[in-house]
Amino acid sequence: MTGWDFLNNITQAFPPIALVLLLLIALIALIVFIIGFSKHSFKQSSLDASFERRFDELKADINRIETNHFGHLKNYLGILNGVLLDKRIIDNETKARLDNELRGM
């Protein structure tokens, strides 16, 4: 069975009005596809630039979050050093050394 035989069998299975409506819907779908594809293909370079800009913004946001969390961690460690000194678990020399390490980060 060839493709033409297959199409002939399908067209005979439908009443003429239904076949016309089916072909009309297929034609409209094809036109919409062609218009949509042509608009998308012409805007491809601008879409690529848009995705790249969004990716750069995402990387900047991630860097800000990492910096923010690291700053909070440094503050927490500084407070912890003070508490350890108050409880006499570490001495002034050790606290100074730890504070210098935190400042160097």
Protein backbone atom coordinates (compact mmCIF):
# COMPACT_ATOMS: atom_id res chain seq x y z
CA MET A 1 0.00 0.00 0.00
CA THR A 2 1.42 3.36 -1.00
CA GLY A 3 0.89 6.70 0.67
CA TRP A 4 -1.66 7.68 -1.95
CA ASP A 5 -3.69 4.53 -1.28
CA PHE A 6 -3.66 5.34 2.43
CA LEU A 7 -4.88 8.89 1.78
CA ASN A 8 -7.55 7.60 -0.59
CA ASN A 9 -8.85 5.19 2.06
CA ILE A 10 -8.96 7.98 4.68
CA THR A 11 -10.80 10.39 2.38
CA GLN A 12 -13.40 7.74 1.54
CA ALA A 13 -13.97 7.06 5.26
CA PHE A 14 -15.08 10.66 5.94
CA PRO A 15 -18.17 12.41 4.62
CA PRO A 16 -17.25 15.27 2.22
CA ILE A 17 -18.17 18.04 4.70
CA ALA A 18 -16.05 16.49 7.47
CA LEU A 19 -13.14 16.06 5.07
CA VAL A 20 -13.32 19.71 4.00
CA LEU A 21 -13.37 20.82 7.66
CA LEU A 22 -10.44 18.53 8.47
CA LEU A 23 -8.38 19.86 5.57
CA LEU A 24 -9.28 23.44 6.47
CA ILE A 25 -8.15 22.90 10.08
CA ALA A 26 -4.91 21.31 8.86
CA LEU A 27 -4.29 24.27 6.53
CA ILE A 28 -4.89 26.79 9.34
CA ALA A 29 -2.57 24.82 11.64
CA LEU A 30 0.12 24.83 8.93
CA ILE A 31 -0.19 28.60 8.44
CA VAL A 32 0.01 29.23 12.19
CA PHE A 33 3.07 26.98 12.41
CA ILE A 34 4.83 28.76 9.54
CA ILE A 35 4.11 32.21 11.02
CA GLY A 36 5.22 31.15 14.49
CA PHE A 37 8.38 29.47 13.22
CA SER A 38 9.37 32.46 11.10
CA LYS A 39 8.91 34.87 14.03
CA HIS A 40 10.90 32.58 16.32
CA SER A 41 13.75 32.04 13.88
CA PHE A 42 14.15 35.78 13.24
CA LYS A 43 14.20 36.54 16.97
CA GLN A 44 16.65 33.74 17.83
CA SER A 45 19.63 36.05 18.32
CA SER A 46 17.69 38.31 20.67
CA LEU A 47 16.46 35.28 22.62
CA ASP A 48 20.02 34.03 23.00
CA ALA A 49 21.10 37.44 24.33
CA SER A 50 18.12 37.48 26.71
CA PHE A 51 18.99 34.01 28.09
CA GLU A 52 22.63 35.03 28.47
CA ARG A 53 21.63 38.20 30.36
CA ARG A 54 19.35 36.17 32.66
CA PHE A 55 22.15 33.66 33.25
CA ASP A 56 24.56 36.48 34.17
CA GLU A 57 21.96 37.93 36.56
CA LEU A 58 21.53 34.50 38.13
CA LYS A 59 25.29 34.15 38.63
CA ALA A 60 25.42 37.60 40.23
CA ASP A 61 22.55 36.67 42.57
CA ILE A 62 24.33 33.48 43.59
CA ASN A 63 27.53 35.42 44.29
CA ARG A 64 25.60 37.91 46.44
CA ILE A 65 24.00 35.08 48.42
CA GLU A 66 27.37 33.37 48.95
CA THR A 67 28.94 36.64 50.10
CA ASN A 68 26.01 37.35 52.41
CA HIS A 69 26.14 33.89 54.00
CA PHE A 70 29.90 34.08 54.37
CA GLY A 71 29.57 37.45 56.11
CA HIS A 72 27.01 36.01 58.52
CA LEU A 73 29.29 33.06 59.19
CA LYS A 74 32.24 35.36 59.92
CA ASN A 75 30.09 37.39 62.35
CA TYR A 76 28.95 34.20 64.08
CA LEU A 77 32.51 32.93 64.43
CA GLY A 78 33.61 36.29 65.83
CA ILE A 79 30.85 36.14 68.45
CA LEU A 80 31.73 32.53 69.21
CA ASN A 81 35.36 33.54 69.82
CA GLY A 82 34.16 36.14 72.31
CA VAL A 83 31.97 33.61 74.12
CA LEU A 84 34.83 31.11 74.29
CA LEU A 85 37.05 33.83 75.75
CA ASP A 86 34.38 34.76 78.32
CA LYS A 87 34.03 31.12 79.37
CA ARG A 88 37.85 30.95 79.63
CA ILE A 89 38.03 28.12 77.11
CA ILE A 90 40.53 30.09 75.01
CA ASP A 91 42.95 32.80 76.03
CA ASN A 92 43.47 36.30 74.60
CA GLU A 93 46.30 35.17 72.35
CA THR A 94 44.22 32.41 70.77
CA LYS A 95 41.25 34.78 70.33
CA ALA A 96 43.49 37.35 68.62
CA ARG A 97 44.88 34.66 66.31
CA LEU A 98 41.37 33.46 65.43
CA ASP A 99 40.16 37.02 64.84
CA ASN A 100 43.11 37.65 62.51
CA GLU A 101 42.23 34.51 60.58
CA LEU A 102 38.63 35.68 60.21
CA ARG A 103 39.75 39.12 59.05
CA GLY A 104 42.00 37.51 56.43
CA MET A 105 39.14 35.55 54.86
